[in-house]
PDB file of N, CA and C in Angstrom:
ATOM      1  N   MET A   1      56.152 -19.179 180.259  1.00  0.00           N
ATOM      2  CA  MET A   1      55.102 -19.418 179.346  1.00  0.00           C
ATOM      3  C   MET A   1      54.343 -18.501 178.716  1.00  0.00           C
ATOM      4  N   SER A   2      54.241 -18.409 177.268  1.00  0.00           N
ATOM      5  CA  SER A   2      53.930 -17.172 176.537  1.00  0.00           C
ATOM      6  C   SER A   2      52.016 -17.377 176.781  1.00  0.00           C
ATOM      7  N   LYS A   3      51.616 -16.239 176.258  1.00  0.00           N
ATOM      8  CA  LYS A   3      50.151 -16.020 176.588  1.00  0.00           C
ATOM      9  C   LYS A   3      49.563 -17.027 175.715  1.00  0.00           C
ATOM     10  N   ASP A   4      49.949 -17.309 174.477  1.00  0.00           N
ATOM     11  CA  ASP A   4      49.300 -18.338 173.530  1.00  0.00           C
ATOM     12  C   ASP A   4      49.472 -19.803 174.251  1.00  0.00           C
ATOM     13  N   GLN A   5      50.660 -20.060 174.654  1.00  0.00           N
ATOM     14  CA  GLN A   5      50.791 -21.368 175.346  1.00  0.00           C
ATOM     15  C   GLN A   5      49.791 -21.540 176.685  1.00  0.00           C
ATOM     16  N   ASP A   6      49.743 -20.459 177.371  1.00  0.00           N
ATOM     17  CA  ASP A   6      48.790 -20.384 178.413  1.00  0.00           C
ATOM     18  C   ASP A   6      47.351 -20.618 178.216  1.00  0.00           C
ATOM     19  N   GLU A   7      46.985 -20.004 177.181  1.00  0.00           N
ATOM     20  CA  GLU A   7      45.518 -20.050 176.763  1.00  0.00           C
ATOM     21  C   GLU A   7      45.386 -21.594 176.084  1.00  0.00           C
ATOM     22  N   GLY A   8      46.400 -21.968 175.349  1.00  0.00           N
ATOM     23  CA  GLY A   8      46.109 -23.442 174.785  1.00  0.00           C
ATOM     24  C   GLY A   8      46.238 -24.619 176.001  1.00  0.00           C
ATOM     25  N   PHE A   9      46.782 -24.256 177.123  1.00  0.00           N
ATOM     26  CA  PHE A   9      46.888 -25.040 178.216  1.00  0.00           C
ATOM     27  C   PHE A   9      45.423 -25.076 179.011  1.00  0.00           C
ATOM     28  N   GLU A  10      44.865 -23.837 179.022  1.00  0.00           N
ATOM     29  CA  GLU A  10      43.566 -23.517 179.656  1.00  0.00           C
ATOM     30  C   GLU A  10      42.356 -24.285 178.903  1.00  0.00           C
ATOM     31  N   ASP A  11      42.663 -24.497 177.348  1.00  0.00           N
ATOM     32  CA  ASP A  11      41.676 -24.984 176.526  1.00  0.00           C
ATOM     33  C   ASP A  11      41.746 -26.525 176.772  1.00  0.00           C
ATOM     34  N   ILE A  12      42.890 -27.015 176.875  1.00  0.00           N
ATOM     35  CA  ILE A  12      43.173 -28.497 177.112  1.00  0.00           C
ATOM     36  C   ILE A  12      42.538 -28.802 178.523  1.00  0.00           C
ATOM     37  N   LEU A  13      42.745 -28.122 179.459  1.00  0.00           N
ATOM     38  CA  LEU A  13      42.019 -28.342 180.857  1.00  0.00           C
ATOM     39  C   LEU A  13      40.697 -27.986 181.006  1.00  0.00           C
ATOM     40  N   ALA A  14      40.124 -27.252 180.032  1.00  0.00           N
ATOM     41  CA  ALA A  14      38.615 -27.092 180.014  1.00  0.00           C
ATOM     42  C   ALA A  14      37.999 -28.365 179.435  1.00  0.00           C
ATOM     43  N   GLU A  15      38.653 -28.815 178.290  1.00  0.00           N
ATOM     44  CA  GLU A  15      38.207 -30.109 177.649  1.00  0.00           C
ATOM     45  C   GLU A  15      38.074 -31.362 178.571  1.00  0.00           C
ATOM     46  N   LEU A  16      39.194 -31.398 179.322  1.00  0.00           N
ATOM     47  CA  LEU A  16      39.230 -32.653 180.444  1.00  0.00           C
ATOM     48  C   LEU A  16      38.124 -32.417 181.460  1.00  0.00           C
ATOM     49  N   ASP A  17      37.976 -30.976 181.808  1.00  0.00           N
ATOM     50  CA  ASP A  17      36.916 -31.099 182.792  1.00  0.00           C
ATOM     51  C   ASP A  17      35.485 -31.164 182.301  1.00  0.00           C
ATOM     52  N   ARG A  18      35.170 -31.012 181.003  1.00  0.00           N
ATOM     53  CA  ARG A  18      33.965 -31.447 180.306  1.00  0.00           C
ATOM     54  C   ARG A  18      33.937 -32.875 180.233  1.00  0.00           C
ATOM     55  N   GLU A  19      34.813 -33.605 180.033  1.00  0.00           N
ATOM     56  CA  GLU A  19      35.005 -35.145 179.884  1.00  0.00           C
ATOM     57  C   GLU A  19      34.908 -35.780 181.058  1.00  0.00           C
ATOM     58  N   GLU A  20      35.190 -35.183 182.356  1.00  0.00           N
ATOM     59  CA  GLU A  20      35.162 -35.878 183.641  1.00  0.00           C
ATOM     60  C   GLU A  20      33.969 -35.303 184.578  1.00  0.00           C
ATOM     61  N   ALA A  21      33.287 -34.319 184.130  1.00  0.00           N
ATOM     62  CA  ALA A  21      32.196 -33.580 185.021  1.00  0.00           C
ATOM     63  C   ALA A  21      31.072 -34.633 185.052  1.00  0.00           C
ATOM     64  N   ARG A  22      30.327 -34.616 186.115  1.00  0.00           N
ATOM     65  CA  ARG A  22      29.321 -35.240 186.431  1.00  0.00           C
ATOM     66  C   ARG A  22      27.991 -34.237 186.498  1.00  0.00           C
ATOM     67  N   VAL A  23      27.508 -34.302 185.292  1.00  0.00           N
ATOM     68  CA  VAL A  23      26.297 -33.197 185.088  1.00  0.00           C
ATOM     69  C   VAL A  23      24.973 -33.849 185.398  1.00  0.00           C
ATOM     70  N   LYS A  24      24.185 -33.228 186.055  1.00  0.00           N
ATOM     71  CA  LYS A  24      22.873 -33.577 186.474  1.00  0.00           C
ATOM     72  C   LYS A  24      21.838 -32.784 186.067  1.00  0.00           C
ATOM     73  N   ILE A  25      20.906 -33.361 185.286  1.00  0.00           N
ATOM     74  CA  ILE A  25      19.728 -32.462 184.822  1.00  0.00           C
ATOM     75  C   ILE A  25      18.414 -33.001 185.527  1.00  0.00           C
ATOM     76  N   ARG A  26      17.746 -32.030 185.908  1.00  0.00           N
ATOM     77  CA  ARG A  26      16.408 -32.548 186.607  1.00  0.00           C
ATOM     78  C   ARG A  26      15.399 -31.448 186.429  1.00  0.00           C
ATOM     79  N   MET A  27      14.234 -31.802 186.642  1.00  0.00           N
ATOM     80  CA  MET A  27      13.029 -30.853 186.385  1.00  0.00           C
ATOM     81  C   MET A  27      12.552 -30.562 187.764  1.00  0.00           C
ATOM     82  N   GLU A  28      12.219 -29.330 188.238  1.00  0.00           N
ATOM     83  CA  GLU A  28      11.603 -28.864 189.242  1.00  0.00           C
ATOM     84  C   GLU A  28      10.337 -28.096 188.999  1.00  0.00           C
ATOM     85  N   MET A  29       9.391 -28.096 189.999  1.00  0.00           N
ATOM     86  CA  MET A  29       8.252 -27.401 189.666  1.00  0.00           C
ATOM     87  C   MET A  29       8.562 -26.049 190.669  1.00  0.00           C
ATOM     88  N   ARG A  30       8.192 -24.920 189.972  1.00  0.00           N
ATOM     89  CA  ARG A  30       8.335 -23.668 190.714  1.00  0.00           C
ATOM     90  C   ARG A  30       7.038 -22.971 191.023  1.00  0.00           C
ATOM     91  N   ARG A  31       7.033 -21.741 191.340  1.00  0.00           N
ATOM     92  CA  ARG A  31       5.879 -21.139 191.624  1.00  0.00           C
ATOM     93  C   ARG A  31       4.916 -21.333 190.527  1.00  0.00           C
ATOM     94  N   PHE A  32       3.644 -21.342 191.046  1.00  0.00           N
ATOM     95  CA  PHE A  32       2.332 -21.497 190.228  1.00  0.00           C
ATOM     96  C   PHE A  32       2.350 -22.774 189.462  1.00  0.00           C
ATOM     97  N   GLY A  33       3.192 -23.805 189.760  1.00  0.00           N
ATOM     98  CA  GLY A  33       3.253 -25.194 189.035  1.00  0.00           C
ATOM     99  C   GLY A  33       3.935 -25.120 187.608  1.00  0.00           C
ATOM    100  N   LYS A  34       4.829 -24.130 187.449  1.00  0.00           N
ATOM    101  CA  LYS A  34       5.570 -23.826 186.298  1.00  0.00           C
ATOM    102  C   LYS A  34       6.716 -24.762 186.695  1.00  0.00           C
ATOM    103  N   PRO A  35       6.918 -25.709 185.374  1.00  0.00           N
ATOM    104  CA  PRO A  35       8.220 -26.634 185.456  1.00  0.00           C
ATOM    105  C   PRO A  35       9.411 -25.693 184.816  1.00  0.00           C
ATOM    106  N   THR A  36      10.494 -26.141 185.535  1.00  0.00           N
ATOM    107  CA  THR A  36      11.717 -25.534 185.345  1.00  0.00           C
ATOM    108  C   THR A  36      12.891 -26.834 185.047  1.00  0.00           C
ATOM    109  N   THR A  37      13.828 -26.512 184.344  1.00  0.00           N
ATOM    110  CA  THR A  37      15.007 -27.665 184.136  1.00  0.00           C
ATOM    111  C   THR A  37      16.249 -26.923 184.865  1.00  0.00           C
ATOM    112  N   VAL A  38      16.651 -27.684 185.628  1.00  0.00           N
ATOM    113  CA  VAL A  38      17.748 -27.214 186.593  1.00  0.00           C
ATOM    114  C   VAL A  38      19.192 -28.211 186.110  1.00  0.00           C
ATOM    115  N   ILE A  39      20.218 -27.517 185.743  1.00  0.00           N
ATOM    116  CA  ILE A  39      21.498 -28.107 185.238  1.00  0.00           C
ATOM    117  C   ILE A  39      22.534 -27.986 186.010  1.00  0.00           C
ATOM    118  N   GLU A  40      22.914 -28.896 186.767  1.00  0.00           N
ATOM    119  CA  GLU A  40      24.290 -28.506 187.784  1.00  0.00           C
ATOM    120  C   GLU A  40      25.314 -29.572 187.577  1.00  0.00           C
ATOM    121  N   GLY A  41      26.600 -29.182 188.084  1.00  0.00           N
ATOM    122  CA  GLY A  41      27.665 -30.038 187.994  1.00  0.00           C
ATOM    123  C   GLY A  41      28.601 -29.467 186.779  1.00  0.00           C
ATOM    124  N   ILE A  42      28.267 -28.489 186.053  1.00  0.00           N
ATOM    125  CA  ILE A  42      29.144 -28.319 184.917  1.00  0.00           C
ATOM    126  C   ILE A  42      30.116 -27.298 185.556  1.00  0.00           C
ATOM    127  N   THR A  43      31.486 -27.849 185.364  1.00  0.00           N
ATOM    128  CA  THR A  43      32.625 -26.921 185.837  1.00  0.00           C
ATOM    129  C   THR A  43      33.312 -26.193 184.656  1.00  0.00           C
ATOM    130  N   MET A  44      32.730 -24.841 184.638  1.00  0.00           N
ATOM    131  CA  MET A  44      33.299 -23.874 183.585  1.00  0.00           C
ATOM    132  C   MET A  44      33.451 -22.549 184.273  1.00  0.00           C
ATOM    133  N   SER A  45      34.206 -21.630 183.662  1.00  0.00           N
ATOM    134  CA  SER A  45      34.271 -20.345 184.069  1.00  0.00           C
ATOM    135  C   SER A  45      32.855 -19.815 184.035  1.00  0.00           C
ATOM    136  N   ASP A  46      32.592 -18.640 184.751  1.00  0.00           N
ATOM    137  CA  ASP A  46      31.149 -17.921 184.797  1.00  0.00           C
ATOM    138  C   ASP A  46      30.932 -17.631 183.351  1.00  0.00           C
ATOM    139  N   LYS A  47      31.868 -16.911 182.765  1.00  0.00           N
ATOM    140  CA  LYS A  47      31.673 -16.370 181.539  1.00  0.00           C
ATOM    141  C   LYS A  47      31.415 -17.508 180.578  1.00  0.00           C
ATOM    142  N   ASP A  48      31.965 -18.559 180.552  1.00  0.00           N
ATOM    143  CA  ASP A  48      31.838 -19.761 179.630  1.00  0.00           C
ATOM    144  C   ASP A  48      30.340 -20.335 179.993  1.00  0.00           C
ATOM    145  N   LEU A  49      30.097 -20.579 181.212  1.00  0.00           N
ATOM    146  CA  LEU A  49      28.728 -20.882 181.844  1.00  0.00           C
ATOM    147  C   LEU A  49      27.551 -19.990 181.094  1.00  0.00           C
ATOM    148  N   HIS A  50      27.645 -18.621 181.279  1.00  0.00           N
ATOM    149  CA  HIS A  50      26.628 -17.777 180.721  1.00  0.00           C
ATOM    150  C   HIS A  50      26.509 -17.679 179.151  1.00  0.00           C
ATOM    151  N   GLU A  51      27.613 -18.073 178.728  1.00  0.00           N
ATOM    152  CA  GLU A  51      27.751 -18.164 177.023  1.00  0.00           C
ATOM    153  C   GLU A  51      26.894 -19.400 176.590  1.00  0.00           C
ATOM    154  N   LEU A  52      27.253 -20.613 177.202  1.00  0.00           N
ATOM    155  CA  LEU A  52      26.510 -21.823 177.017  1.00  0.00           C
ATOM    156  C   LEU A  52      25.010 -21.688 177.309  1.00  0.00           C
ATOM    157  N   ASN A  53      24.655 -21.011 178.631  1.00  0.00           N
ATOM    158  CA  ASN A  53      23.359 -20.858 178.856  1.00  0.00           C
ATOM    159  C   ASN A  53      22.685 -19.963 177.812  1.00  0.00           C
ATOM    160  N   SER A  54      23.112 -18.964 177.233  1.00  0.00           N
ATOM    161  CA  SER A  54      22.584 -18.166 176.293  1.00  0.00           C
ATOM    162  C   SER A  54      22.188 -18.974 174.963  1.00  0.00           C
ATOM    163  N   LYS A  55      23.469 -19.685 174.720  1.00  0.00           N
ATOM    164  CA  LYS A  55      23.132 -20.679 173.427  1.00  0.00           C
ATOM    165  C   LYS A  55      21.938 -21.649 173.588  1.00  0.00           C
ATOM    166  N   MET A  56      21.918 -22.417 174.811  1.00  0.00           N
ATOM    167  CA  MET A  56      20.790 -23.176 175.084  1.00  0.00           C
ATOM    168  C   MET A  56      19.376 -22.374 174.934  1.00  0.00           C
ATOM    169  N   LYS A  57      19.345 -21.110 175.556  1.00  0.00           N
ATOM    170  CA  LYS A  57      18.218 -20.460 175.615  1.00  0.00           C
ATOM    171  C   LYS A  57      17.612 -20.243 174.165  1.00  0.00           C
ATOM    172  N   ARG A  58      18.583 -19.725 173.302  1.00  0.00           N
ATOM    173  CA  ARG A  58      18.314 -19.358 172.083  1.00  0.00           C
ATOM    174  C   ARG A  58      17.920 -20.488 171.239  1.00  0.00           C
ATOM    175  N   ALA A  59      18.424 -21.673 171.300  1.00  0.00           N
ATOM    176  CA  ALA A  59      18.232 -23.046 170.764  1.00  0.00           C
ATOM    177  C   ALA A  59      16.928 -23.491 171.061  1.00  0.00           C
ATOM    178  N   LEU A  60      16.382 -23.339 172.343  1.00  0.00           N
ATOM    179  CA  LEU A  60      15.218 -23.895 172.831  1.00  0.00           C
ATOM    180  C   LEU A  60      14.174 -22.950 172.953  1.00  0.00           C
ATOM    181  N   ALA A  61      14.362 -21.685 172.617  1.00  0.00           N
ATOM    182  CA  ALA A  61      13.401 -20.741 172.512  1.00  0.00           C
ATOM    183  C   ALA A  61      12.643 -20.473 173.867  1.00  0.00           C
ATOM    184  N   THR A  62      13.625 -20.347 174.982  1.00  0.00           N
ATOM    185  CA  THR A  62      13.138 -20.237 176.349  1.00  0.00           C
ATOM    186  C   THR A  62      13.997 -19.166 177.133  1.00  0.00           C
ATOM    187  N   GLY A  63      13.470 -18.819 178.221  1.00  0.00           N
ATOM    188  CA  GLY A  63      14.093 -18.037 179.287  1.00  0.00           C
ATOM    189  C   GLY A  63      15.064 -18.896 180.145  1.00  0.00           C
ATOM    190  N   GLY A  64      15.726 -18.084 180.926  1.00  0.00           N
ATOM    191  CA  GLY A  64      16.579 -18.939 181.996  1.00  0.00           C
ATOM    192  C   GLY A  64      17.690 -18.093 182.397  1.00  0.00           C
ATOM    193  N   THR A  65      18.470 -18.722 183.501  1.00  0.00           N
ATOM    194  CA  THR A  65      19.458 -17.806 184.193  1.00  0.00           C
ATOM    195  C   THR A  65      20.519 -18.859 184.740  1.00  0.00           C
ATOM    196  N   VAL A  66      21.655 -18.239 185.209  1.00  0.00           N
ATOM    197  CA  VAL A  66      22.691 -18.846 185.847  1.00  0.00           C
ATOM    198  C   VAL A  66      22.720 -18.256 187.354  1.00  0.00           C
ATOM    199  N   LYS A  67      22.626 -19.153 188.360  1.00  0.00           N
ATOM    200  CA  LYS A  67      22.872 -18.839 189.710  1.00  0.00           C
ATOM    201  C   LYS A  67      23.833 -19.827 190.306  1.00  0.00           C
ATOM    202  N   ASP A  68      24.880 -19.187 190.895  1.00  0.00           N
ATOM    203  CA  ASP A  68      25.764 -20.100 191.655  1.00  0.00           C
ATOM    204  C   ASP A  68      26.441 -21.318 190.895  1.00  0.00           C
ATOM    205  N   GLY A  69      26.422 -21.246 189.629  1.00  0.00           N
ATOM    206  CA  GLY A  69      27.055 -22.232 188.781  1.00  0.00           C
ATOM    207  C   GLY A  69      25.897 -23.235 188.423  1.00  0.00           C
ATOM    208  N   ILE A  70      24.709 -22.823 188.702  1.00  0.00           N
ATOM    209  CA  ILE A  70      23.711 -23.656 188.267  1.00  0.00           C
ATOM    210  C   ILE A  70      22.908 -22.904 187.257  1.00  0.00           C
ATOM    211  N   MET A  71      22.644 -23.714 185.948  1.00  0.00           N
ATOM    212  CA  MET A  71      21.656 -23.108 184.999  1.00  0.00           C
ATOM    213  C   MET A  71      20.377 -23.457 185.116  1.00  0.00           C
ATOM    214  N   ILE A  72      19.286 -22.661 185.079  1.00  0.00           N
ATOM    215  CA  ILE A  72      18.061 -22.842 185.153  1.00  0.00           C
ATOM    216  C   ILE A  72      17.095 -22.573 183.910  1.00  0.00           C
ATOM    217  N   LEU A  73      16.495 -23.333 183.223  1.00  0.00           N
ATOM    218  CA  LEU A  73      15.832 -23.001 181.913  1.00  0.00           C
ATOM    219  C   LEU A  73      14.486 -23.273 182.235  1.00  0.00           C
ATOM    220  N   GLN A  74      13.554 -22.120 181.705  1.00  0.00           N
ATOM    221  CA  GLN A  74      12.087 -22.291 181.959  1.00  0.00           C
ATOM    222  C   GLN A  74      11.524 -23.287 181.012  1.00  0.00           C
ATOM    223  N   GLY A  75      10.633 -24.220 181.653  1.00  0.00           N
ATOM    224  CA  GLY A  75      10.130 -25.182 180.998  1.00  0.00           C
ATOM    225  C   GLY A  75      10.912 -26.498 181.015  1.00  0.00           C
ATOM    226  N   ASP A  76      10.208 -27.811 180.725  1.00  0.00           N
ATOM    227  CA  ASP A  76      10.951 -28.982 180.773  1.00  0.00           C
ATOM    228  C   ASP A  76      11.655 -29.314 179.588  1.00  0.00           C
ATOM    229  N   HIS A  77      13.085 -29.020 179.589  1.00  0.00           N
ATOM    230  CA  HIS A  77      13.888 -29.259 178.400  1.00  0.00           C
ATOM    231  C   HIS A  77      14.951 -30.233 178.769  1.00  0.00           C
ATOM    232  N   ARG A  78      14.770 -31.416 179.666  1.00  0.00           N
ATOM    233  CA  ARG A  78      15.762 -32.279 180.119  1.00  0.00           C
ATOM    234  C   ARG A  78      16.361 -32.894 178.838  1.00  0.00           C
ATOM    235  N   GLU A  79      15.687 -33.561 177.949  1.00  0.00           N
ATOM    236  CA  GLU A  79      16.471 -34.292 176.910  1.00  0.00           C
ATOM    237  C   GLU A  79      17.026 -33.465 175.892  1.00  0.00           C
ATOM    238  N   SER A  80      16.486 -32.367 175.424  1.00  0.00           N
ATOM    239  CA  SER A  80      16.975 -31.454 174.656  1.00  0.00           C
ATOM    240  C   SER A  80      18.321 -30.914 175.377  1.00  0.00           C
ATOM    241  N   ALA A  81      18.192 -30.415 176.583  1.00  0.00           N
ATOM    242  CA  ALA A  81      19.569 -29.868 177.066  1.00  0.00           C
ATOM    243  C   ALA A  81      20.529 -30.965 177.147  1.00  0.00           C
ATOM    244  N   ALA A  82      20.294 -32.312 177.377  1.00  0.00           N
ATOM    245  CA  ALA A  82      21.393 -33.263 177.287  1.00  0.00           C
ATOM    246  C   ALA A  82      21.996 -33.518 175.915  1.00  0.00           C
ATOM    247  N   LYS A  83      21.135 -33.305 175.056  1.00  0.00           N
ATOM    248  CA  LYS A  83      21.434 -33.374 173.515  1.00  0.00           C
ATOM    249  C   LYS A  83      22.470 -32.455 173.212  1.00  0.00           C
ATOM    250  N   MET A  84      22.061 -30.993 173.757  1.00  0.00           N
ATOM    251  CA  MET A  84      22.958 -29.931 173.530  1.00  0.00           C
ATOM    252  C   MET A  84      24.234 -29.954 174.111  1.00  0.00           C
ATOM    253  N   LEU A  85      24.248 -30.412 175.415  1.00  0.00           N
ATOM    254  CA  LEU A  85      25.288 -30.709 176.123  1.00  0.00           C
ATOM    255  C   LEU A  85      26.353 -31.536 175.445  1.00  0.00           C
ATOM    256  N   LYS A  86      25.917 -32.821 174.926  1.00  0.00           N
ATOM    257  CA  LYS A  86      26.731 -33.585 174.250  1.00  0.00           C
ATOM    258  C   LYS A  86      27.412 -33.201 172.973  1.00  0.00           C
ATOM    259  N   GLU A  87      26.534 -32.229 172.188  1.00  0.00           N
ATOM    260  CA  GLU A  87      26.998 -31.405 171.118  1.00  0.00           C
ATOM    261  C   GLU A  87      28.180 -30.433 171.566  1.00  0.00           C
ATOM    262  N   ASN A  88      28.131 -30.161 172.823  1.00  0.00           N
ATOM    263  CA  ASN A  88      29.147 -29.255 173.171  1.00  0.00           C
ATOM    264  C   ASN A  88      30.202 -29.651 174.017  1.00  0.00           C
ATOM    265  N   GLY A  89      30.361 -30.940 173.679  1.00  0.00           N
ATOM    266  CA  GLY A  89      31.727 -31.677 174.212  1.00  0.00           C
ATOM    267  C   GLY A  89      31.534 -32.384 175.447  1.00  0.00           C
ATOM    268  N   PHE A  90      30.425 -32.397 176.308  1.00  0.00           N
ATOM    269  CA  PHE A  90      30.342 -33.429 177.336  1.00  0.00           C
ATOM    270  C   PHE A  90      30.058 -34.897 176.852  1.00  0.00           C
ATOM    271  N   SER A  91      30.731 -35.698 177.497  1.00  0.00           N
ATOM    272  CA  SER A  91      30.302 -37.195 177.213  1.00  0.00           C
ATOM    273  C   SER A  91      29.094 -37.651 177.680  1.00  0.00           C
ATOM    274  N   GLU A  92      28.524 -38.491 176.832  1.00  0.00           N
ATOM    275  CA  GLU A  92      27.021 -39.009 177.232  1.00  0.00           C
ATOM    276  C   GLU A  92      27.099 -39.611 178.523  1.00  0.00           C
ATOM    277  N   GLY A  93      28.116 -40.306 178.974  1.00  0.00           N
ATOM    278  CA  GLY A  93      28.042 -40.970 180.160  1.00  0.00           C
ATOM    279  C   GLY A  93      28.223 -40.217 181.391  1.00  0.00           C
ATOM    280  N   SER A  94      28.580 -38.742 181.078  1.00  0.00           N
ATOM    281  CA  SER A  94      28.650 -37.915 182.245  1.00  0.00           C
ATOM    282  C   SER A  94      27.487 -37.171 182.530  1.00  0.00           C
ATOM    283  N   ILE A  95      26.532 -37.431 181.706  1.00  0.00           N
ATOM    284  CA  ILE A  95      25.063 -36.700 181.806  1.00  0.00           C
ATOM    285  C   ILE A  95      24.039 -37.526 182.443  1.00  0.00           C
ATOM    286  N   GLU A  96      23.507 -37.291 183.657  1.00  0.00           N
ATOM    287  CA  GLU A  96      22.559 -37.829 184.200  1.00  0.00           C
ATOM    288  C   GLU A  96      21.048 -37.242 184.156  1.00  0.00           C
ATOM    289  N   ILE A  97      20.219 -37.559 183.654  1.00  0.00           N
ATOM    290  CA  ILE A  97      18.869 -36.985 183.704  1.00  0.00           C
ATOM    291  C   ILE A  97      17.947 -37.635 184.809  1.00  0.00           C
ATOM    292  N   ILE A  98      17.461 -36.742 185.579  1.00  0.00           N
ATOM    293  CA  ILE A  98      16.721 -37.343 186.787  1.00  0.00           C
ATOM    294  C   ILE A  98      15.367 -36.961 186.443  1.00  0.00           C
TER     295      ILE A  98
END
């Protein structure tokens, strides 16, 4: 298999993972009563997850990080995060807001 075919195959697998992923978005209260949005269940490579996290932080004008495959955003951005995930190829039925 050539390198181009291999990359195309990985793109197809990534798209299928997005469609079948069970993404959970919830709010947690952290130190000093500060709200944070926690997004888990996204099956992506670490590089892609960090890129998505950076894109979301810029769009939402907030800070955040990725730890152990879980995205954490500062503030309560559950609805906005769900909307952005839909725009990035995740199906509406696979996103659960808690």
